[in-house]
C-alpha cells in the first residue's frame, strides 16, 4: 500500500493590538461637554504602548474606547489619524482631571500555515 502525504493549508489568525492612553492632563478640575457637542482629544495628548507621545493613531478596522473603565458605544466616537472625537450623549459628559481614557486599536490578520498530514 502506498503512503501518500497530503498538504493542507490553513489560515491562522494573529491579533495585533495597539493601546493609547490619555489621562485628561490639561485640565485643572473638570471638563463639561454639553449633549451633542464634540470633544476632541488631539494626537499630542495621547501616549502609546511605550509611554511616549503618540506620533500617529494606528489605522485599524476596529477600536475600543474606554472612559473611566467603561467601554463606549462605537457610534459615540470617531478615530482619525490626528485626533479622537467623542460626541457627548444626551445629558452631556463630565471629565474629571483624573478620568482615565484609553483607546485600543485592534487588527486581525490571517496568515497561511501549511501542514503535512500522512
PDB file of N, CA and C in Angstrom:
ATOM      1  N   UNK A   1       0.842  -1.167   0.000  1.00  0.00           N
ATOM      2  CA  UNK A   1       0.000   0.000   0.000  1.00  0.00           C
ATOM      3  C   UNK A   1       0.896   1.242   0.000  1.00  0.00           C
ATOM      4  N   UNK A   2       0.587   2.166  -0.815  1.00  0.00           N
ATOM      5  CA  UNK A   2       1.392   3.376  -0.929  1.00  0.00           C
ATOM      6  C   UNK A   2       1.008   4.373   0.154  1.00  0.00           C
ATOM      7  N   UNK A   3       2.016   5.043   0.652  1.00  0.00           N
ATOM      8  CA  UNK A   3       1.789   6.072   1.648  1.00  0.00           C
ATOM      9  C   UNK A   3       1.872   7.425   0.942  1.00  0.00           C
ATOM     10  N   UNK A   4       0.875   8.209   1.098  1.00  0.00           N
ATOM     11  CA  UNK A   4       0.831   9.488   0.415  1.00  0.00           C
ATOM     12  C   UNK A   4       0.616  10.592   1.435  1.00  0.00           C
ATOM     13  N   UNK A   5       1.344  11.680   1.283  1.00  0.00           N
ATOM     14  CA  UNK A   5       1.191  12.822   2.175  1.00  0.00           C
ATOM     15  C   UNK A   5       0.267  13.852   1.532  1.00  0.00           C
ATOM     16  N   UNK A   6      -0.569  14.410   2.334  1.00  0.00           N
ATOM     17  CA  UNK A   6      -1.453  15.470   1.877  1.00  0.00           C
ATOM     18  C   UNK A   6      -0.977  16.768   2.512  1.00  0.00           C
ATOM     19  N   UNK A   7      -0.929  17.789   1.737  1.00  0.00           N
ATOM     20  CA  UNK A   7      -0.531  19.077   2.273  1.00  0.00           C
ATOM     21  C   UNK A   7      -1.787  19.946   2.378  1.00  0.00           C
ATOM     22  N   UNK A   8      -2.076  20.336   3.589  1.00  0.00           N
ATOM     23  CA  UNK A   8      -3.246  21.164   3.842  1.00  0.00           C
ATOM     24  C   UNK A   8      -2.777  22.581   4.152  1.00  0.00           C
ATOM     25  N   UNK A   9      -3.528  23.526   3.728  1.00  0.00           N
ATOM     26  CA  UNK A   9      -3.224  24.914   4.057  1.00  0.00           C
ATOM     27  C   UNK A   9      -4.347  25.439   4.934  1.00  0.00           C
ATOM     28  N   UNK A  10      -3.960  26.042   6.002  1.00  0.00           N
ATOM     29  CA  UNK A  10      -4.973  26.612   6.883  1.00  0.00           C
ATOM     30  C   UNK A  10      -4.610  28.059   7.180  1.00  0.00           C
ATOM     31  N   UNK A  11      -5.563  28.801   7.587  1.00  0.00           N
ATOM     32  CA  UNK A  11      -5.341  30.193   7.945  1.00  0.00           C
ATOM     33  C   UNK A  11      -5.229  30.285   9.462  1.00  0.00           C
ATOM     34  N   UNK A  12      -4.182  30.919   9.928  1.00  0.00           N
ATOM     35  CA  UNK A  12      -4.038  31.158  11.361  1.00  0.00           C
ATOM     36  C   UNK A  12      -4.239  32.639  11.605  1.00  0.00           C
ATOM     37  N   UNK A  13      -4.853  32.927  12.681  1.00  0.00           N
ATOM     38  CA  UNK A  13      -5.200  34.308  12.993  1.00  0.00           C
ATOM     39  C   UNK A  13      -4.152  34.914  13.924  1.00  0.00           C
ATOM     40  N   UNK A  14      -3.763  36.129  13.651  1.00  0.00           N
ATOM     41  CA  UNK A  14      -2.855  36.869  14.516  1.00  0.00           C
ATOM     42  C   UNK A  14      -3.544  38.180  14.888  1.00  0.00           C
ATOM     43  N   UNK A  15      -3.725  38.399  16.155  1.00  0.00           N
ATOM     44  CA  UNK A  15      -4.402  39.598  16.644  1.00  0.00           C
ATOM     45  C   UNK A  15      -3.358  40.600  17.103  1.00  0.00           C
ATOM     46  N   UNK A  16      -3.382  41.778  16.537  1.00  0.00           N
ATOM     47  CA  UNK A  16      -2.439  42.835  16.896  1.00  0.00           C
ATOM     48  C   UNK A  16      -3.214  43.968  17.547  1.00  0.00           C
ATOM     49  N   UNK A  17      -2.761  44.376  18.716  1.00  0.00           N
ATOM     50  CA  UNK A  17      -3.420  45.489  19.388  1.00  0.00           C
ATOM     51  C   UNK A  17      -2.402  46.584  19.695  1.00  0.00           C
ATOM     52  N   UNK A  18      -2.834  47.806  19.609  1.00  0.00           N
ATOM     53  CA  UNK A  18      -2.033  48.960  19.989  1.00  0.00           C
ATOM     54  C   UNK A  18      -2.874  49.762  20.958  1.00  0.00           C
ATOM     55  N   UNK A  19      -2.315  50.081  22.108  1.00  0.00           N
ATOM     56  CA  UNK A  19      -3.072  50.776  23.139  1.00  0.00           C
ATOM     57  C   UNK A  19      -2.545  52.199  23.299  1.00  0.00           C
ATOM     58  N   UNK A  20      -3.471  53.143  23.426  1.00  0.00           N
ATOM     59  CA  UNK A  20      -3.133  54.546  23.664  1.00  0.00           C
ATOM     60  C   UNK A  20      -3.812  54.974  24.954  1.00  0.00           C
ATOM     61  N   UNK A  21      -3.142  55.831  25.701  1.00  0.00           N
ATOM     62  CA  UNK A  21      -3.685  56.315  26.966  1.00  0.00           C
ATOM     63  C   UNK A  21      -3.760  57.837  26.973  1.00  0.00           C
ATOM     64  N   UNK A  22      -4.808  58.336  27.610  1.00  0.00           N
ATOM     65  CA  UNK A  22      -4.993  59.768  27.796  1.00  0.00           C
ATOM     66  C   UNK A  22      -5.595  59.961  29.177  1.00  0.00           C
ATOM     67  N   UNK A  23      -5.017  60.811  29.957  1.00  0.00           N
ATOM     68  CA  UNK A  23      -5.491  60.967  31.329  1.00  0.00           C
ATOM     69  C   UNK A  23      -5.947  62.382  31.659  1.00  0.00           C
ATOM     70  N   UNK A  24      -6.512  63.089  30.712  1.00  0.00           N
ATOM     71  CA  UNK A  24      -7.058  64.441  30.942  1.00  0.00           C
ATOM     72  C   UNK A  24      -6.050  65.374  31.591  1.00  0.00           C
ATOM     73  N   UNK A  25      -4.777  65.264  31.264  1.00  0.00           N
ATOM     74  CA  UNK A  25      -3.725  66.068  31.890  1.00  0.00           C
ATOM     75  C   UNK A  25      -3.936  67.576  31.772  1.00  0.00           C
ATOM     76  N   UNK A  26      -4.457  68.087  30.660  1.00  0.00           N
ATOM     77  CA  UNK A  26      -4.510  69.542  30.531  1.00  0.00           C
ATOM     78  C   UNK A  26      -5.570  70.223  31.386  1.00  0.00           C
ATOM     79  N   UNK A  27      -6.409  69.469  32.055  1.00  0.00           N
ATOM     80  CA  UNK A  27      -7.500  70.091  32.806  1.00  0.00           C
ATOM     81  C   UNK A  27      -7.147  70.234  34.282  1.00  0.00           C
ATOM     82  N   UNK A  28      -7.404  71.388  34.811  1.00  0.00           N
ATOM     83  CA  UNK A  28      -7.287  71.577  36.256  1.00  0.00           C
ATOM     84  C   UNK A  28      -8.719  71.608  36.759  1.00  0.00           C
ATOM     85  N   UNK A  29      -9.166  70.521  37.303  1.00  0.00           N
ATOM     86  CA  UNK A  29     -10.560  70.408  37.711  1.00  0.00           C
ATOM     87  C   UNK A  29     -11.301  69.484  36.779  1.00  0.00           C
ATOM     88  N   UNK A  30     -12.362  69.979  36.161  1.00  0.00           N
ATOM     89  CA  UNK A  30     -13.153  69.112  35.292  1.00  0.00           C
ATOM     90  C   UNK A  30     -13.465  69.806  33.975  1.00  0.00           C
ATOM     91  N   UNK A  31     -13.887  68.992  33.026  1.00  0.00           N
ATOM     92  CA  UNK A  31     -14.283  69.497  31.698  1.00  0.00           C
ATOM     93  C   UNK A  31     -15.683  68.987  31.436  1.00  0.00           C
ATOM     94  N   UNK A  32     -16.640  69.876  31.222  1.00  0.00           N
ATOM     95  CA  UNK A  32     -18.018  69.501  30.944  1.00  0.00           C
ATOM     96  C   UNK A  32     -18.285  69.680  29.452  1.00  0.00           C
ATOM     97  N   UNK A  33     -18.880  68.636  28.849  1.00  0.00           N
ATOM     98  CA  UNK A  33     -19.215  68.670  27.434  1.00  0.00           C
ATOM     99  C   UNK A  33     -20.732  68.555  27.323  1.00  0.00           C
ATOM    100  N   UNK A  34     -21.375  69.526  26.682  1.00  0.00           N
ATOM    101  CA  UNK A  34     -22.834  69.544  26.556  1.00  0.00           C
ATOM    102  C   UNK A  34     -23.305  68.426  25.628  1.00  0.00           C
ATOM    103  N   UNK A  35     -24.553  68.010  25.812  1.00  0.00           N
ATOM    104  CA  UNK A  35     -25.144  66.946  24.996  1.00  0.00           C
ATOM    105  C   UNK A  35     -25.057  67.287  23.517  1.00  0.00           C
ATOM    106  N   UNK A  36     -24.595  66.336  22.714  1.00  0.00           N
ATOM    107  CA  UNK A  36     -24.485  66.524  21.280  1.00  0.00           C
ATOM    108  C   UNK A  36     -23.236  67.258  20.835  1.00  0.00           C
ATOM    109  N   UNK A  37     -22.488  67.824  21.765  1.00  0.00           N
ATOM    110  CA  UNK A  37     -21.248  68.524  21.423  1.00  0.00           C
ATOM    111  C   UNK A  37     -20.123  67.519  21.216  1.00  0.00           C
ATOM    112  N   UNK A  38     -19.110  67.934  20.481  1.00  0.00           N
ATOM    113  CA  UNK A  38     -17.960  67.061  20.187  1.00  0.00           C
ATOM    114  C   UNK A  38     -16.765  67.516  21.016  1.00  0.00           C
ATOM    115  N   UNK A  39     -16.169  66.574  21.712  1.00  0.00           N
ATOM    116  CA  UNK A  39     -14.965  66.796  22.495  1.00  0.00           C
ATOM    117  C   UNK A  39     -13.828  66.102  21.762  1.00  0.00           C
ATOM    118  N   UNK A  40     -12.792  66.834  21.398  1.00  0.00           N
ATOM    119  CA  UNK A  40     -11.697  66.280  20.605  1.00  0.00           C
ATOM    120  C   UNK A  40     -10.433  66.150  21.456  1.00  0.00           C
ATOM    121  N   UNK A  41      -9.825  64.966  21.429  1.00  0.00           N
ATOM    122  CA  UNK A  41      -8.551  64.735  22.110  1.00  0.00           C
ATOM    123  C   UNK A  41      -7.509  64.612  21.004  1.00  0.00           C
ATOM    124  N   UNK A  42      -6.646  65.612  20.894  1.00  0.00           N
ATOM    125  CA  UNK A  42      -5.663  65.642  19.812  1.00  0.00           C
ATOM    126  C   UNK A  42      -4.535  64.645  20.044  1.00  0.00           C
ATOM    127  N   UNK A  43      -3.829  64.341  18.981  1.00  0.00           N
ATOM    128  CA  UNK A  43      -2.766  63.345  18.983  1.00  0.00           C
ATOM    129  C   UNK A  43      -1.692  63.637  20.027  1.00  0.00           C
ATOM    130  N   UNK A  44      -1.341  64.891  20.214  1.00  0.00           N
ATOM    131  CA  UNK A  44      -0.270  65.266  21.142  1.00  0.00           C
ATOM    132  C   UNK A  44      -0.592  64.898  22.592  1.00  0.00           C
ATOM    133  N   UNK A  45      -1.858  64.642  22.907  1.00  0.00           N
ATOM    134  CA  UNK A  45      -2.247  64.317  24.276  1.00  0.00           C
ATOM    135  C   UNK A  45      -2.284  62.822  24.565  1.00  0.00           C
ATOM    136  N   UNK A  46      -2.096  61.987  23.532  1.00  0.00           N
ATOM    137  CA  UNK A  46      -2.117  60.535  23.717  1.00  0.00           C
ATOM    138  C   UNK A  46      -0.707  60.008  23.918  1.00  0.00           C
ATOM    139  N   UNK A  47      -0.562  58.980  24.742  1.00  0.00           N
ATOM    140  CA  UNK A  47       0.721  58.279  24.852  1.00  0.00           C
ATOM    141  C   UNK A  47       0.516  56.870  24.322  1.00  0.00           C
ATOM    142  N   UNK A  48       1.584  56.282  23.748  1.00  0.00           N
ATOM    143  CA  UNK A  48       1.471  54.972  23.116  1.00  0.00           C
ATOM    144  C   UNK A  48       1.905  53.839  24.057  1.00  0.00           C
ATOM    145  N   UNK A  49       2.030  52.610  23.526  1.00  0.00           N
ATOM    146  CA  UNK A  49       2.416  51.450  24.329  1.00  0.00           C
ATOM    147  C   UNK A  49       3.727  51.661  25.070  1.00  0.00           C
ATOM    148  N   UNK A  50       4.654  52.402  24.473  1.00  0.00           N
ATOM    149  CA  UNK A  50       5.974  52.623  25.065  1.00  0.00           C
ATOM    150  C   UNK A  50       5.970  53.736  26.111  1.00  0.00           C
ATOM    151  N   UNK A  51       4.862  54.452  26.238  1.00  0.00           N
ATOM    152  CA  UNK A  51       4.757  55.524  27.225  1.00  0.00           C
ATOM    153  C   UNK A  51       5.158  56.886  26.702  1.00  0.00           C
ATOM    154  N   UNK A  52       5.554  56.975  25.437  1.00  0.00           N
ATOM    155  CA  UNK A  52       5.907  58.273  24.868  1.00  0.00           C
ATOM    156  C   UNK A  52       4.709  58.848  24.104  1.00  0.00           C
ATOM    157  N   UNK A  53       4.814  60.101  23.726  1.00  0.00           N
ATOM    158  CA  UNK A  53       3.731  60.751  22.984  1.00  0.00           C
ATOM    159  C   UNK A  53       3.524  60.048  21.652  1.00  0.00           C
ATOM    160  N   UNK A  54       2.279  59.768  21.318  1.00  0.00           N
ATOM    161  CA  UNK A  54       1.949  59.067  20.070  1.00  0.00           C
ATOM    162  C   UNK A  54       2.247  59.968  18.878  1.00  0.00           C
ATOM    163  N   UNK A  55       2.836  59.385  17.827  1.00  0.00           N
ATOM    164  CA  UNK A  55       3.130  60.164  16.619  1.00  0.00           C
ATOM    165  C   UNK A  55       1.996  60.077  15.611  1.00  0.00           C
ATOM    166  N   UNK A  56       1.230  58.986  15.660  1.00  0.00           N
ATOM    167  CA  UNK A  56       0.074  58.803  14.786  1.00  0.00           C
ATOM    168  C   UNK A  56      -0.821  57.750  15.431  1.00  0.00           C
ATOM    169  N   UNK A  57      -2.117  57.872  15.264  1.00  0.00           N
ATOM    170  CA  UNK A  57      -3.033  56.839  15.741  1.00  0.00           C
ATOM    171  C   UNK A  57      -3.162  55.797  14.646  1.00  0.00           C
ATOM    172  N   UNK A  58      -2.891  54.555  14.975  1.00  0.00           N
ATOM    173  CA  UNK A  58      -2.870  53.455  14.018  1.00  0.00           C
ATOM    174  C   UNK A  58      -4.231  53.288  13.353  1.00  0.00           C
ATOM    175  N   UNK A  59      -4.212  53.085  12.039  1.00  0.00           N
ATOM    176  CA  UNK A  59      -5.442  52.806  11.311  1.00  0.00           C
ATOM    177  C   UNK A  59      -5.812  51.343  11.533  1.00  0.00           C
ATOM    178  N   UNK A  60      -7.013  51.096  11.980  1.00  0.00           N
ATOM    179  CA  UNK A  60      -7.454  49.731  12.277  1.00  0.00           C
ATOM    180  C   UNK A  60      -8.934  49.598  11.947  1.00  0.00           C
ATOM    181  N   UNK A  61      -9.375  48.366  11.658  1.00  0.00           N
ATOM    182  CA  UNK A  61     -10.795  48.177  11.374  1.00  0.00           C
ATOM    183  C   UNK A  61     -11.675  48.299  12.611  1.00  0.00           C
ATOM    184  N   UNK A  62     -11.075  48.197  13.781  1.00  0.00           N
ATOM    185  CA  UNK A  62     -11.870  48.291  14.995  1.00  0.00           C
ATOM    186  C   UNK A  62     -11.111  48.982  16.111  1.00  0.00           C
ATOM    187  N   UNK A  63     -11.834  49.735  16.919  1.00  0.00           N
ATOM    188  CA  UNK A  63     -11.255  50.434  18.063  1.00  0.00           C
ATOM    189  C   UNK A  63     -12.133  50.178  19.276  1.00  0.00           C
ATOM    190  N   UNK A  64     -11.509  50.162  20.440  1.00  0.00           N
ATOM    191  CA  UNK A  64     -12.233  50.111  21.707  1.00  0.00           C
ATOM    192  C   UNK A  64     -11.859  51.360  22.487  1.00  0.00           C
ATOM    193  N   UNK A  65     -12.852  52.149  22.885  1.00  0.00           N
ATOM    194  CA  UNK A  65     -12.615  53.350  23.673  1.00  0.00           C
ATOM    195  C   UNK A  65     -13.237  53.144  25.048  1.00  0.00           C
ATOM    196  N   UNK A  66     -12.439  53.316  26.076  1.00  0.00           N
ATOM    197  CA  UNK A  66     -12.928  53.197  27.458  1.00  0.00           C
ATOM    198  C   UNK A  66     -12.730  54.530  28.158  1.00  0.00           C
ATOM    199  N   UNK A  67     -13.775  55.003  28.782  1.00  0.00           N
ATOM    200  CA  UNK A  67     -13.714  56.218  29.588  1.00  0.00           C
ATOM    201  C   UNK A  67     -14.029  55.818  31.008  1.00  0.00           C
ATOM    202  N   UNK A  68     -13.073  56.052  31.896  1.00  0.00           N
ATOM    203  CA  UNK A  68     -13.189  55.671  33.304  1.00  0.00           C
ATOM    204  C   UNK A  68     -13.481  54.174  33.456  1.00  0.00           C
ATOM    205  N   UNK A  69     -12.874  53.378  32.578  1.00  0.00           N
ATOM    206  CA  UNK A  69     -13.016  51.929  32.651  1.00  0.00           C
ATOM    207  C   UNK A  69     -14.276  51.373  32.009  1.00  0.00           C
ATOM    208  N   UNK A  70     -15.089  52.215  31.393  1.00  0.00           N
ATOM    209  CA  UNK A  70     -16.342  51.778  30.792  1.00  0.00           C
ATOM    210  C   UNK A  70     -16.215  51.825  29.265  1.00  0.00           C
ATOM    211  N   UNK A  71     -16.433  50.681  28.614  1.00  0.00           N
ATOM    212  CA  UNK A  71     -16.378  50.599  27.156  1.00  0.00           C
ATOM    213  C   UNK A  71     -17.493  51.453  26.558  1.00  0.00           C
ATOM    214  N   UNK A  72     -17.145  52.285  25.567  1.00  0.00           N
ATOM    215  CA  UNK A  72     -18.104  53.198  24.947  1.00  0.00           C
ATOM    216  C   UNK A  72     -18.665  52.608  23.659  1.00  0.00           C
ATOM    217  N   UNK A  73     -19.880  52.991  23.319  1.00  0.00           N
ATOM    218  CA  UNK A  73     -20.501  52.554  22.066  1.00  0.00           C
ATOM    219  C   UNK A  73     -19.740  53.145  20.885  1.00  0.00           C
ATOM    220  N   UNK A  74     -19.585  52.357  19.829  1.00  0.00           N
ATOM    221  CA  UNK A  74     -18.817  52.789  18.657  1.00  0.00           C
ATOM    222  C   UNK A  74     -19.396  54.048  18.014  1.00  0.00           C
ATOM    223  N   UNK A  75     -20.682  54.278  18.093  1.00  0.00           N
ATOM    224  CA  UNK A  75     -21.309  55.444  17.478  1.00  0.00           C
ATOM    225  C   UNK A  75     -21.039  56.753  18.202  1.00  0.00           C
ATOM    226  N   UNK A  76     -20.458  56.696  19.396  1.00  0.00           N
ATOM    227  CA  UNK A  76     -20.212  57.910  20.173  1.00  0.00           C
ATOM    228  C   UNK A  76     -18.851  58.549  19.902  1.00  0.00           C
ATOM    229  N   UNK A  77     -17.994  57.874  19.140  1.00  0.00           N
ATOM    230  CA  UNK A  77     -16.671  58.434  18.902  1.00  0.00           C
ATOM    231  C   UNK A  77     -16.184  58.097  17.496  1.00  0.00           C
ATOM    232  N   UNK A  78     -15.251  58.911  17.026  1.00  0.00           N
ATOM    233  CA  UNK A  78     -14.624  58.691  15.719  1.00  0.00           C
ATOM    234  C   UNK A  78     -13.116  58.846  15.896  1.00  0.00           C
ATOM    235  N   UNK A  79     -12.361  57.931  15.295  1.00  0.00           N
ATOM    236  CA  UNK A  79     -10.905  57.962  15.400  1.00  0.00           C
ATOM    237  C   UNK A  79     -10.328  58.411  14.067  1.00  0.00           C
ATOM    238  N   UNK A  80      -9.517  59.456  14.127  1.00  0.00           N
ATOM    239  CA  UNK A  80      -8.808  59.963  12.958  1.00  0.00           C
ATOM    240  C   UNK A  80      -7.313  59.817  13.236  1.00  0.00           C
ATOM    241  N   UNK A  81      -6.485  59.998  12.252  1.00  0.00           N
ATOM    242  CA  UNK A  81      -5.049  59.815  12.451  1.00  0.00           C
ATOM    243  C   UNK A  81      -4.455  60.837  13.421  1.00  0.00           C
ATOM    244  N   UNK A  82      -5.085  61.974  13.584  1.00  0.00           N
ATOM    245  CA  UNK A  82      -4.544  63.037  14.435  1.00  0.00           C
ATOM    246  C   UNK A  82      -5.391  63.366  15.663  1.00  0.00           C
ATOM    247  N   UNK A  83      -6.548  62.721  15.835  1.00  0.00           N
ATOM    248  CA  UNK A  83      -7.403  63.032  16.977  1.00  0.00           C
ATOM    249  C   UNK A  83      -8.497  61.980  17.154  1.00  0.00           C
ATOM    250  N   UNK A  84      -9.057  61.964  18.348  1.00  0.00           N
ATOM    251  CA  UNK A  84     -10.242  61.154  18.645  1.00  0.00           C
ATOM    252  C   UNK A  84     -11.341  62.138  19.012  1.00  0.00           C
ATOM    253  N   UNK A  85     -12.477  62.026  18.334  1.00  0.00           N
ATOM    254  CA  UNK A  85     -13.593  62.925  18.592  1.00  0.00           C
ATOM    255  C   UNK A  85     -14.700  62.147  19.287  1.00  0.00           C
ATOM    256  N   UNK A  86     -15.095  62.638  20.458  1.00  0.00           N
ATOM    257  CA  UNK A  86     -16.133  61.995  21.258  1.00  0.00           C
ATOM    258  C   UNK A  86     -17.359  62.887  21.243  1.00  0.00           C
ATOM    259  N   UNK A  87     -18.501  62.329  20.833  1.00  0.00           N
ATOM    260  CA  UNK A  87     -19.762  63.072  20.834  1.00  0.00           C
ATOM    261  C   UNK A  87     -20.486  62.764  22.133  1.00  0.00           C
ATOM    262  N   UNK A  88     -20.778  63.801  22.890  1.00  0.00           N
ATOM    263  CA  UNK A  88     -21.434  63.626  24.189  1.00  0.00           C
ATOM    264  C   UNK A  88     -22.868  63.142  23.996  1.00  0.00           C
ATOM    265  N   UNK A  89     -23.283  62.115  24.740  1.00  0.00           N
ATOM    266  CA  UNK A  89     -24.655  61.619  24.647  1.00  0.00           C
ATOM    267  C   UNK A  89     -25.631  62.565  25.343  1.00  0.00           C
ATOM    268  N   UNK A  90     -26.910  62.230  25.304  1.00  0.00           N
ATOM    269  CA  UNK A  90     -27.927  63.027  25.994  1.00  0.00           C
ATOM    270  C   UNK A  90     -27.546  63.126  27.464  1.00  0.00           C
ATOM    271  N   UNK A  91     -27.640  64.306  28.005  1.00  0.00           N
ATOM    272  CA  UNK A  91     -27.249  64.510  29.396  1.00  0.00           C
ATOM    273  C   UNK A  91     -25.829  65.033  29.527  1.00  0.00           C
ATOM    274  N   UNK A  92     -25.060  64.998  28.429  1.00  0.00           N
ATOM    275  CA  UNK A  92     -23.704  65.521  28.437  1.00  0.00           C
ATOM    276  C   UNK A  92     -22.709  64.599  29.119  1.00  0.00           C
ATOM    277  N   UNK A  93     -21.470  65.067  29.206  1.00  0.00           N
ATOM    278  CA  UNK A  93     -20.386  64.307  29.835  1.00  0.00           C
ATOM    279  C   UNK A  93     -19.595  65.241  30.732  1.00  0.00           C
ATOM    280  N   UNK A  94     -19.009  64.664  31.769  1.00  0.00           N
ATOM    281  CA  UNK A  94     -18.162  65.424  32.665  1.00  0.00           C
ATOM    282  C   UNK A  94     -16.864  64.656  32.869  1.00  0.00           C
ATOM    283  N   UNK A  95     -15.740  65.233  32.437  1.00  0.00           N
ATOM    284  CA  UNK A  95     -14.424  64.628  32.620  1.00  0.00           C
ATOM    285  C   UNK A  95     -13.750  65.254  33.829  1.00  0.00           C
ATOM    286  N   UNK A  96     -13.436  64.462  34.824  1.00  0.00           N
ATOM    287  CA  UNK A  96     -12.655  64.934  35.960  1.00  0.00           C
ATOM    288  C   UNK A  96     -11.183  64.922  35.554  1.00  0.00           C
ATOM    289  N   UNK A  97     -10.340  65.649  36.272  1.00  0.00           N
ATOM    290  CA  UNK A  97      -8.915  65.734  35.935  1.00  0.00           C
ATOM    291  C   UNK A  97      -8.234  64.367  35.974  1.00  0.00           C
ATOM    292  N   UNK A  98      -8.761  63.438  36.742  1.00  0.00           N
ATOM    293  CA  UNK A  98      -8.120  62.124  36.873  1.00  0.00           C
ATOM    294  C   UNK A  98      -8.841  61.026  36.087  1.00  0.00           C
ATOM    295  N   UNK A  99      -9.771  61.395  35.201  1.00  0.00           N
ATOM    296  CA  UNK A  99     -10.526  60.400  34.435  1.00  0.00           C
ATOM    297  C   UNK A  99      -9.627  59.718  33.404  1.00  0.00           C
ATOM    298  N   UNK A 100      -9.417  58.388  33.520  1.00  0.00           N
ATOM    299  CA  UNK A 100      -8.603  57.708  32.517  1.00  0.00           C
ATOM    300  C   UNK A 100      -9.401  57.435  31.244  1.00  0.00           C
ATOM    301  N   UNK A 101      -8.790  57.706  30.108  1.00  0.00           N
ATOM    302  CA  UNK A 101      -9.383  57.415  28.807  1.00  0.00           C
ATOM    303  C   UNK A 101      -8.365  56.575  28.044  1.00  0.00           C
ATOM    304  N   UNK A 102      -8.780  55.400  27.590  1.00  0.00           N
ATOM    305  CA  UNK A 102      -7.878  54.538  26.821  1.00  0.00           C
ATOM    306  C   UNK A 102      -8.510  54.187  25.485  1.00  0.00           C
ATOM    307  N   UNK A 103      -7.667  54.094  24.477  1.00  0.00           N
ATOM    308  CA  UNK A 103      -8.090  53.720  23.139  1.00  0.00           C
ATOM    309  C   UNK A 103      -7.245  52.527  22.718  1.00  0.00           C
ATOM    310  N   UNK A 104      -7.905  51.502  22.215  1.00  0.00           N
ATOM    311  CA  UNK A 104      -7.189  50.317  21.755  1.00  0.00           C
ATOM    312  C   UNK A 104      -7.546  50.060  20.301  1.00  0.00           C
ATOM    313  N   UNK A 105      -6.520  50.025  19.448  1.00  0.00           N
ATOM    314  CA  UNK A 105      -6.700  49.717  18.030  1.00  0.00           C
ATOM    315  C   UNK A 105      -6.503  48.217  17.868  1.00  0.00           C
ATOM    316  N   UNK A 106      -7.458  47.542  17.231  1.00  0.00           N
ATOM    317  CA  UNK A 106      -7.411  46.087  17.103  1.00  0.00           C
ATOM    318  C   UNK A 106      -7.368  45.698  15.630  1.00  0.00           C
ATOM    319  N   UNK A 107      -6.330  44.929  15.250  1.00  0.00           N
ATOM    320  CA  UNK A 107      -6.198  44.409  13.890  1.00  0.00           C
ATOM    321  C   UNK A 107      -6.127  42.894  13.961  1.00  0.00           C
ATOM    322  N   UNK A 108      -6.846  42.231  13.075  1.00  0.00           N
ATOM    323  CA  UNK A 108      -6.812  40.780  12.976  1.00  0.00           C
ATOM    324  C   UNK A 108      -6.270  40.429  11.600  1.00  0.00           C
ATOM    325  N   UNK A 109      -5.102  39.788  11.560  1.00  0.00           N
ATOM    326  CA  UNK A 109      -4.512  39.412  10.282  1.00  0.00           C
ATOM    327  C   UNK A 109      -4.491  37.904  10.155  1.00  0.00           C
ATOM    328  N   UNK A 110      -4.692  37.415   8.942  1.00  0.00           N
ATOM    329  CA  UNK A 110      -4.671  35.984   8.684  1.00  0.00           C
ATOM    330  C   UNK A 110      -3.401  35.622   7.935  1.00  0.00           C
ATOM    331  N   UNK A 111      -2.717  34.581   8.416  1.00  0.00           N
ATOM    332  CA  UNK A 111      -1.504  34.097   7.759  1.00  0.00           C
ATOM    333  C   UNK A 111      -1.715  32.631   7.388  1.00  0.00           C
ATOM    334  N   UNK A 112      -1.145  32.220   6.255  1.00  0.00           N
ATOM    335  CA  UNK A 112      -1.294  30.844   5.795  1.00  0.00           C
ATOM    336  C   UNK A 112      -0.227  29.953   6.447  1.00  0.00           C
ATOM    337  N   UNK A 113      -0.663  28.846   7.017  1.00  0.00           N
ATOM    338  CA  UNK A 113       0.258  27.857   7.590  1.00  0.00           C
ATOM    339  C   UNK A 113       0.006  26.543   6.876  1.00  0.00           C
ATOM    340  N   UNK A 114       1.065  25.871   6.441  1.00  0.00           N
ATOM    341  CA  UNK A 114       0.925  24.602   5.725  1.00  0.00           C
ATOM    342  C   UNK A 114       1.246  23.445   6.679  1.00  0.00           C
ATOM    343  N   UNK A 115       0.408  22.416   6.618  1.00  0.00           N
ATOM    344  CA  UNK A 115       0.531  21.262   7.488  1.00  0.00           C
ATOM    345  C   UNK A 115       0.572  20.016   6.613  1.00  0.00           C
ATOM    346  N   UNK A 116       1.552  19.125   6.866  1.00  0.00           N
ATOM    347  CA  UNK A 116       1.605  17.855   6.129  1.00  0.00           C
ATOM    348  C   UNK A 116       0.953  16.786   6.986  1.00  0.00           C
ATOM    349  N   UNK A 117      -0.034  16.078   6.409  1.00  0.00           N
ATOM    350  CA  UNK A 117      -0.765  15.032   7.122  1.00  0.00           C
ATOM    351  C   UNK A 117      -0.529  13.689   6.403  1.00  0.00           C
ATOM    352  N   UNK A 118      -0.002  12.653   7.119  1.00  0.00           N
ATOM    353  CA  UNK A 118       0.192  11.348   6.472  1.00  0.00           C
ATOM    354  C   UNK A 118      -1.110  10.626   6.246  1.00  0.00           C
TER     355      UNK A 118
END
